[in-house]
Amino acid sequence: MSKRPRSNPKPIPFVVTGAVIGFVVFGVVSWLGPNRNEGFDITYDPGAALGYMSVLGLFLGALVGAAVAALFTYRR
């Protein structure tokens, strides 16, 4: 019997899933997190903070998803 060749996972679904999860998690943390102004006279609109954190989560989640896809692709 011949062994079936190992199939490699497609990386795009991992990247997209990581990006969506990161977007949601960082958005929720930004929305529900503390609204502190500790000694600085800078205030941010909550919508702006939500946008910045969501985009940061999008990129970090995509990066983690790409790393997971790479680990699954290059396993022994």
PDB file of N, CA and C in Angstrom:
ATOM      1  N   MET A   1       0.829  -1.177   0.000  1.00  0.00           N
ATOM      2  CA  MET A   1       0.000   0.000   0.000  1.00  0.00           C
ATOM      3  C   MET A   1       0.877   1.246   0.000  1.00  0.00           C
ATOM      4  N   SER A   2       0.497   2.169  -0.813  1.00  0.00           N
ATOM      5  CA  SER A   2       1.253   3.421  -0.848  1.00  0.00           C
ATOM      6  C   SER A   2       0.628   4.428   0.116  1.00  0.00           C
ATOM      7  N   LYS A   3       1.486   5.242   0.675  1.00  0.00           N
ATOM      8  CA  LYS A   3       0.996   6.258   1.599  1.00  0.00           C
ATOM      9  C   LYS A   3       0.387   7.408   0.809  1.00  0.00           C
ATOM     10  N   ARG A   4      -0.677   7.912   1.355  1.00  0.00           N
ATOM     11  CA  ARG A   4      -1.286   9.090   0.750  1.00  0.00           C
ATOM     12  C   ARG A   4      -0.399  10.299   0.998  1.00  0.00           C
ATOM     13  N   PRO A   5      -0.169  11.114  -0.001  1.00  0.00           N
ATOM     14  CA  PRO A   5       0.652  12.306   0.249  1.00  0.00           C
ATOM     15  C   PRO A   5      -0.057  13.242   1.231  1.00  0.00           C
ATOM     16  N   ARG A   6       0.743  13.808   2.089  1.00  0.00           N
ATOM     17  CA  ARG A   6       0.194  14.699   3.100  1.00  0.00           C
ATOM     18  C   ARG A   6      -0.254  15.995   2.436  1.00  0.00           C
ATOM     19  N   SER A   7      -1.454  16.414   2.747  1.00  0.00           N
ATOM     20  CA  SER A   7      -1.943  17.661   2.159  1.00  0.00           C
ATOM     21  C   SER A   7      -1.608  18.826   3.084  1.00  0.00           C
ATOM     22  N   ASN A   8      -1.179  19.895   2.492  1.00  0.00           N
ATOM     23  CA  ASN A   8      -0.859  21.093   3.256  1.00  0.00           C
ATOM     24  C   ASN A   8      -2.107  21.954   3.400  1.00  0.00           C
ATOM     25  N   PRO A   9      -2.302  22.541   4.569  1.00  0.00           N
ATOM     26  CA  PRO A   9      -3.468  23.415   4.736  1.00  0.00           C
ATOM     27  C   PRO A   9      -3.284  24.717   3.960  1.00  0.00           C
ATOM     28  N   LYS A  10      -4.386  25.295   3.561  1.00  0.00           N
ATOM     29  CA  LYS A  10      -4.340  26.578   2.868  1.00  0.00           C
ATOM     30  C   LYS A  10      -4.156  27.677   3.915  1.00  0.00           C
ATOM     31  N   PRO A  11      -3.196  28.566   3.720  1.00  0.00           N
ATOM     32  CA  PRO A  11      -2.912  29.565   4.761  1.00  0.00           C
ATOM     33  C   PRO A  11      -3.932  30.698   4.844  1.00  0.00           C
ATOM     34  N   ILE A  12      -4.616  31.006   3.755  1.00  0.00           N
ATOM     35  CA  ILE A  12      -5.525  32.156   3.756  1.00  0.00           C
ATOM     36  C   ILE A  12      -6.651  32.011   4.783  1.00  0.00           C
ATOM     37  N   PRO A  13      -7.309  30.850   4.913  1.00  0.00           N
ATOM     38  CA  PRO A  13      -8.338  30.749   5.958  1.00  0.00           C
ATOM     39  C   PRO A  13      -7.790  30.961   7.371  1.00  0.00           C
ATOM     40  N   PHE A  14      -6.558  30.535   7.624  1.00  0.00           N
ATOM     41  CA  PHE A  14      -5.950  30.766   8.937  1.00  0.00           C
ATOM     42  C   PHE A  14      -5.734  32.257   9.173  1.00  0.00           C
ATOM     43  N   VAL A  15      -5.231  32.945   8.165  1.00  0.00           N
ATOM     44  CA  VAL A  15      -4.960  34.378   8.293  1.00  0.00           C
ATOM     45  C   VAL A  15      -6.269  35.150   8.481  1.00  0.00           C
ATOM     46  N   VAL A  16      -7.274  34.817   7.686  1.00  0.00           N
ATOM     47  CA  VAL A  16      -8.554  35.521   7.782  1.00  0.00           C
ATOM     48  C   VAL A  16      -9.225  35.251   9.124  1.00  0.00           C
ATOM     49  N   THR A  17      -9.208  34.005   9.573  1.00  0.00           N
ATOM     50  CA  THR A  17      -9.805  33.676  10.868  1.00  0.00           C
ATOM     51  C   THR A  17      -9.084  34.394  12.000  1.00  0.00           C
ATOM     52  N   GLY A  18      -7.766  34.404  11.968  1.00  0.00           N
ATOM     53  CA  GLY A  18      -7.004  35.124  12.987  1.00  0.00           C
ATOM     54  C   GLY A  18      -7.297  36.612  12.964  1.00  0.00           C
ATOM     55  N   ALA A  19      -7.431  37.184  11.774  1.00  0.00           N
ATOM     56  CA  ALA A  19      -7.724  38.611  11.654  1.00  0.00           C
ATOM     57  C   ALA A  19      -9.098  38.942  12.223  1.00  0.00           C
ATOM     58  N   VAL A  20     -10.086  38.118  11.920  1.00  0.00           N
ATOM     59  CA  VAL A  20     -11.437  38.363  12.433  1.00  0.00           C
ATOM     60  C   VAL A  20     -11.474  38.224  13.950  1.00  0.00           C
ATOM     61  N   ILE A  21     -10.840  37.181  14.477  1.00  0.00           N
ATOM     62  CA  ILE A  21     -10.817  36.991  15.933  1.00  0.00           C
ATOM     63  C   ILE A  21     -10.078  38.147  16.606  1.00  0.00           C
ATOM     64  N   GLY A  22      -8.936  38.549  16.066  1.00  0.00           N
ATOM     65  CA  GLY A  22      -8.196  39.677  16.624  1.00  0.00           C
ATOM     66  C   GLY A  22      -8.990  40.973  16.572  1.00  0.00           C
ATOM     67  N   PHE A  23      -9.688  41.205  15.471  1.00  0.00           N
ATOM     68  CA  PHE A  23     -10.525  42.393  15.319  1.00  0.00           C
ATOM     69  C   PHE A  23     -11.602  42.437  16.390  1.00  0.00           C
ATOM     70  N   VAL A  24     -12.280  41.320  16.578  1.00  0.00           N
ATOM     71  CA  VAL A  24     -13.367  41.264  17.561  1.00  0.00           C
ATOM     72  C   VAL A  24     -12.828  41.394  18.984  1.00  0.00           C
ATOM     73  N   VAL A  25     -11.772  40.650  19.309  1.00  0.00           N
ATOM     74  CA  VAL A  25     -11.239  40.666  20.681  1.00  0.00           C
ATOM     75  C   VAL A  25     -10.717  42.056  21.044  1.00  0.00           C
ATOM     76  N   PHE A  26      -9.913  42.656  20.175  1.00  0.00           N
ATOM     77  CA  PHE A  26      -9.372  43.981  20.493  1.00  0.00           C
ATOM     78  C   PHE A  26     -10.472  45.039  20.497  1.00  0.00           C
ATOM     79  N   GLY A  27     -11.476  44.878  19.660  1.00  0.00           N
ATOM     80  CA  GLY A  27     -12.602  45.810  19.679  1.00  0.00           C
ATOM     81  C   GLY A  27     -13.379  45.731  20.978  1.00  0.00           C
ATOM     82  N   VAL A  28     -13.633  44.520  21.454  1.00  0.00           N
ATOM     83  CA  VAL A  28     -14.352  44.343  22.725  1.00  0.00           C
ATOM     84  C   VAL A  28     -13.517  44.871  23.886  1.00  0.00           C
ATOM     85  N   VAL A  29     -12.224  44.590  23.888  1.00  0.00           N
ATOM     86  CA  VAL A  29     -11.353  45.091  24.957  1.00  0.00           C
ATOM     87  C   VAL A  29     -11.341  46.618  24.953  1.00  0.00           C
ATOM     88  N   SER A  30     -11.301  47.218  23.786  1.00  0.00           N
ATOM     89  CA  SER A  30     -11.304  48.675  23.695  1.00  0.00           C
ATOM     90  C   SER A  30     -12.634  49.254  24.166  1.00  0.00           C
ATOM     91  N   TRP A  31     -13.710  48.605  23.804  1.00  0.00           N
ATOM     92  CA  TRP A  31     -15.034  49.115  24.148  1.00  0.00           C
ATOM     93  C   TRP A  31     -15.335  48.958  25.637  1.00  0.00           C
ATOM     94  N   LEU A  32     -14.955  47.825  26.213  1.00  0.00           N
ATOM     95  CA  LEU A  32     -15.284  47.539  27.607  1.00  0.00           C
ATOM     96  C   LEU A  32     -14.163  47.864  28.579  1.00  0.00           C
ATOM     97  N   GLY A  33     -12.985  48.178  28.075  1.00  0.00           N
ATOM     98  CA  GLY A  33     -11.840  48.441  28.940  1.00  0.00           C
ATOM     99  C   GLY A  33     -11.987  49.748  29.699  1.00  0.00           C
ATOM    100  N   PRO A  34     -11.080  49.976  30.632  1.00  0.00           N
ATOM    101  CA  PRO A  34     -11.168  51.203  31.436  1.00  0.00           C
ATOM    102  C   PRO A  34     -10.882  52.445  30.592  1.00  0.00           C
ATOM    103  N   ASN A  35     -11.564  53.506  30.921  1.00  0.00           N
ATOM    104  CA  ASN A  35     -11.369  54.780  30.234  1.00  0.00           C
ATOM    105  C   ASN A  35     -10.569  55.680  31.166  1.00  0.00           C
ATOM    106  N   ARG A  36      -9.259  55.484  31.182  1.00  0.00           N
ATOM    107  CA  ARG A  36      -8.392  56.184  32.129  1.00  0.00           C
ATOM    108  C   ARG A  36      -7.663  57.334  31.462  1.00  0.00           C
ATOM    109  N   ASN A  37      -7.493  58.372  32.211  1.00  0.00           N
ATOM    110  CA  ASN A  37      -6.667  59.499  31.800  1.00  0.00           C
ATOM    111  C   ASN A  37      -5.740  59.777  32.973  1.00  0.00           C
ATOM    112  N   GLU A  38      -4.627  59.090  33.019  1.00  0.00           N
ATOM    113  CA  GLU A  38      -3.743  59.137  34.183  1.00  0.00           C
ATOM    114  C   GLU A  38      -2.676  60.209  34.023  1.00  0.00           C
ATOM    115  N   GLY A  39      -3.028  61.442  34.358  1.00  0.00           N
ATOM    116  CA  GLY A  39      -2.052  62.507  34.366  1.00  0.00           C
ATOM    117  C   GLY A  39      -1.795  63.165  33.031  1.00  0.00           C
ATOM    118  N   PHE A  40      -2.420  62.704  31.992  1.00  0.00           N
ATOM    119  CA  PHE A  40      -2.233  63.310  30.679  1.00  0.00           C
ATOM    120  C   PHE A  40      -3.486  64.095  30.320  1.00  0.00           C
ATOM    121  N   ASP A  41      -3.295  65.193  29.655  1.00  0.00           N
ATOM    122  CA  ASP A  41      -4.443  66.003  29.242  1.00  0.00           C
ATOM    123  C   ASP A  41      -4.898  65.639  27.835  1.00  0.00           C
ATOM    124  N   ILE A  42      -4.792  64.380  27.509  1.00  0.00           N
ATOM    125  CA  ILE A  42      -5.185  63.900  26.191  1.00  0.00           C
ATOM    126  C   ILE A  42      -6.413  63.019  26.363  1.00  0.00           C
ATOM    127  N   THR A  43      -7.439  63.307  25.616  1.00  0.00           N
ATOM    128  CA  THR A  43      -8.623  62.450  25.632  1.00  0.00           C
ATOM    129  C   THR A  43      -8.903  62.004  24.201  1.00  0.00           C
ATOM    130  N   TYR A  44      -9.297  60.771  24.084  1.00  0.00           N
ATOM    131  CA  TYR A  44      -9.625  60.205  22.782  1.00  0.00           C
ATOM    132  C   TYR A  44     -11.108  59.902  22.733  1.00  0.00           C
ATOM    133  N   ASP A  45     -11.667  60.117  21.583  1.00  0.00           N
ATOM    134  CA  ASP A  45     -13.046  59.730  21.360  1.00  0.00           C
ATOM    135  C   ASP A  45     -13.130  58.211  21.446  1.00  0.00           C
ATOM    136  N   PRO A  46     -14.128  57.655  22.122  1.00  0.00           N
ATOM    137  CA  PRO A  46     -14.220  56.187  22.213  1.00  0.00           C
ATOM    138  C   PRO A  46     -14.291  55.502  20.853  1.00  0.00           C
ATOM    139  N   GLY A  47     -14.896  56.150  19.883  1.00  0.00           N
ATOM    140  CA  GLY A  47     -14.950  55.572  18.538  1.00  0.00           C
ATOM    141  C   GLY A  47     -13.580  55.491  17.888  1.00  0.00           C
ATOM    142  N   ALA A  48     -12.753  56.506  18.128  1.00  0.00           N
ATOM    143  CA  ALA A  48     -11.394  56.490  17.578  1.00  0.00           C
ATOM    144  C   ALA A  48     -10.566  55.398  18.238  1.00  0.00           C
ATOM    145  N   ALA A  49     -10.697  55.281  19.555  1.00  0.00           N
ATOM    146  CA  ALA A  49      -9.965  54.225  20.264  1.00  0.00           C
ATOM    147  C   ALA A  49     -10.420  52.850  19.790  1.00  0.00           C
ATOM    148  N   LEU A  50     -11.720  52.694  19.584  1.00  0.00           N
ATOM    149  CA  LEU A  50     -12.250  51.424  19.080  1.00  0.00           C
ATOM    150  C   LEU A  50     -11.677  51.122  17.701  1.00  0.00           C
ATOM    151  N   GLY A  51     -11.597  52.115  16.848  1.00  0.00           N
ATOM    152  CA  GLY A  51     -11.048  51.914  15.510  1.00  0.00           C
ATOM    153  C   GLY A  51      -9.579  51.536  15.527  1.00  0.00           C
ATOM    154  N   TYR A  52      -8.786  52.260  16.315  1.00  0.00           N
ATOM    155  CA  TYR A  52      -7.352  51.957  16.395  1.00  0.00           C
ATOM    156  C   TYR A  52      -7.105  50.561  16.956  1.00  0.00           C
ATOM    157  N   MET A  53      -7.798  50.234  18.025  1.00  0.00           N
ATOM    158  CA  MET A  53      -7.593  48.922  18.645  1.00  0.00           C
ATOM    159  C   MET A  53      -8.073  47.798  17.727  1.00  0.00           C
ATOM    160  N   SER A  54      -9.170  48.022  17.016  1.00  0.00           N
ATOM    161  CA  SER A  54      -9.674  46.990  16.110  1.00  0.00           C
ATOM    162  C   SER A  54      -8.706  46.736  14.963  1.00  0.00           C
ATOM    163  N   VAL A  55      -8.136  47.793  14.418  1.00  0.00           N
ATOM    164  CA  VAL A  55      -7.168  47.624  13.329  1.00  0.00           C
ATOM    165  C   VAL A  55      -5.905  46.942  13.844  1.00  0.00           C
ATOM    166  N   LEU A  56      -5.459  47.321  15.044  1.00  0.00           N
ATOM    167  CA  LEU A  56      -4.302  46.656  15.643  1.00  0.00           C
ATOM    168  C   LEU A  56      -4.594  45.167  15.846  1.00  0.00           C
ATOM    169  N   GLY A  57      -5.778  44.851  16.347  1.00  0.00           N
ATOM    170  CA  GLY A  57      -6.164  43.451  16.522  1.00  0.00           C
ATOM    171  C   GLY A  57      -6.252  42.712  15.202  1.00  0.00           C
ATOM    172  N   LEU A  58      -6.710  43.398  14.172  1.00  0.00           N
ATOM    173  CA  LEU A  58      -6.789  42.795  12.842  1.00  0.00           C
ATOM    174  C   LEU A  58      -5.407  42.359  12.369  1.00  0.00           C
ATOM    175  N   PHE A  59      -4.428  43.244  12.493  1.00  0.00           N
ATOM    176  CA  PHE A  59      -3.074  42.919  12.036  1.00  0.00           C
ATOM    177  C   PHE A  59      -2.408  41.864  12.910  1.00  0.00           C
ATOM    178  N   LEU A  60      -2.542  41.993  14.219  1.00  0.00           N
ATOM    179  CA  LEU A  60      -1.921  41.004  15.104  1.00  0.00           C
ATOM    180  C   LEU A  60      -2.579  39.632  14.953  1.00  0.00           C
ATOM    181  N   GLY A  61      -3.893  39.604  14.801  1.00  0.00           N
ATOM    182  CA  GLY A  61      -4.588  38.338  14.591  1.00  0.00           C
ATOM    183  C   GLY A  61      -4.187  37.677  13.283  1.00  0.00           C
ATOM    184  N   ALA A  62      -4.025  38.482  12.236  1.00  0.00           N
ATOM    185  CA  ALA A  62      -3.572  37.937  10.953  1.00  0.00           C
ATOM    186  C   ALA A  62      -2.161  37.382  11.072  1.00  0.00           C
ATOM    187  N   LEU A  63      -1.316  38.066  11.830  1.00  0.00           N
ATOM    188  CA  LEU A  63       0.052  37.590  12.040  1.00  0.00           C
ATOM    189  C   LEU A  63       0.064  36.262  12.795  1.00  0.00           C
ATOM    190  N   VAL A  64      -0.750  36.153  13.826  1.00  0.00           N
ATOM    191  CA  VAL A  64      -0.829  34.893  14.582  1.00  0.00           C
ATOM    192  C   VAL A  64      -1.405  33.786  13.700  1.00  0.00           C
ATOM    193  N   GLY A  65      -2.424  34.094  12.911  1.00  0.00           N
ATOM    194  CA  GLY A  65      -2.985  33.105  11.998  1.00  0.00           C
ATOM    195  C   GLY A  65      -1.978  32.622  10.973  1.00  0.00           C
ATOM    196  N   ALA A  66      -1.158  33.532  10.464  1.00  0.00           N
ATOM    197  CA  ALA A  66      -0.113  33.140   9.513  1.00  0.00           C
ATOM    198  C   ALA A  66       0.935  32.256  10.178  1.00  0.00           C
ATOM    199  N   ALA A  67       1.271  32.562  11.430  1.00  0.00           N
ATOM    200  CA  ALA A  67       2.243  31.733  12.155  1.00  0.00           C
ATOM    201  C   ALA A  67       1.694  30.332  12.395  1.00  0.00           C
ATOM    202  N   VAL A  68       0.416  30.237  12.746  1.00  0.00           N
ATOM    203  CA  VAL A  68      -0.199  28.916  12.959  1.00  0.00           C
ATOM    204  C   VAL A  68      -0.235  28.141  11.648  1.00  0.00           C
ATOM    205  N   ALA A  69      -0.574  28.803  10.557  1.00  0.00           N
ATOM    206  CA  ALA A  69      -0.580  28.131   9.251  1.00  0.00           C
ATOM    207  C   ALA A  69       0.814  27.643   8.887  1.00  0.00           C
ATOM    208  N   ALA A  70       1.831  28.444   9.190  1.00  0.00           N
ATOM    209  CA  ALA A  70       3.206  28.027   8.903  1.00  0.00           C
ATOM    210  C   ALA A  70       3.593  26.817   9.743  1.00  0.00           C
ATOM    211  N   LEU A  71       3.168  26.789  10.996  1.00  0.00           N
ATOM    212  CA  LEU A  71       3.470  25.630  11.847  1.00  0.00           C
ATOM    213  C   LEU A  71       2.807  24.365  11.314  1.00  0.00           C
ATOM    214  N   PHE A  72       1.562  24.482  10.867  1.00  0.00           N
ATOM    215  CA  PHE A  72       0.877  23.307  10.320  1.00  0.00           C
ATOM    216  C   PHE A  72       1.474  22.881   8.983  1.00  0.00           C
ATOM    217  N   THR A  73       1.965  23.822   8.208  1.00  0.00           N
ATOM    218  CA  THR A  73       2.530  23.509   6.899  1.00  0.00           C
ATOM    219  C   THR A  73       3.873  22.801   7.019  1.00  0.00           C
ATOM    220  N   TYR A  74       4.699  23.225   7.960  1.00  0.00           N
ATOM    221  CA  TYR A  74       6.060  22.697   8.063  1.00  0.00           C
ATOM    222  C   TYR A  74       6.246  21.699   9.193  1.00  0.00           C
ATOM    223  N   ARG A  75       5.183  21.039   9.593  1.00  0.00           N
ATOM    224  CA  ARG A  75       5.324  20.015  10.642  1.00  0.00           C
ATOM    225  C   ARG A  75       6.014  18.788  10.062  1.00  0.00           C
ATOM    226  N   ARG A  76       6.596  18.011  10.930  1.00  0.00           N
ATOM    227  CA  ARG A  76       7.305  16.818  10.448  1.00  0.00           C
ATOM    228  C   ARG A  76       6.415  15.624  10.437  1.00  0.00           C
TER     229      ARG A  76
END
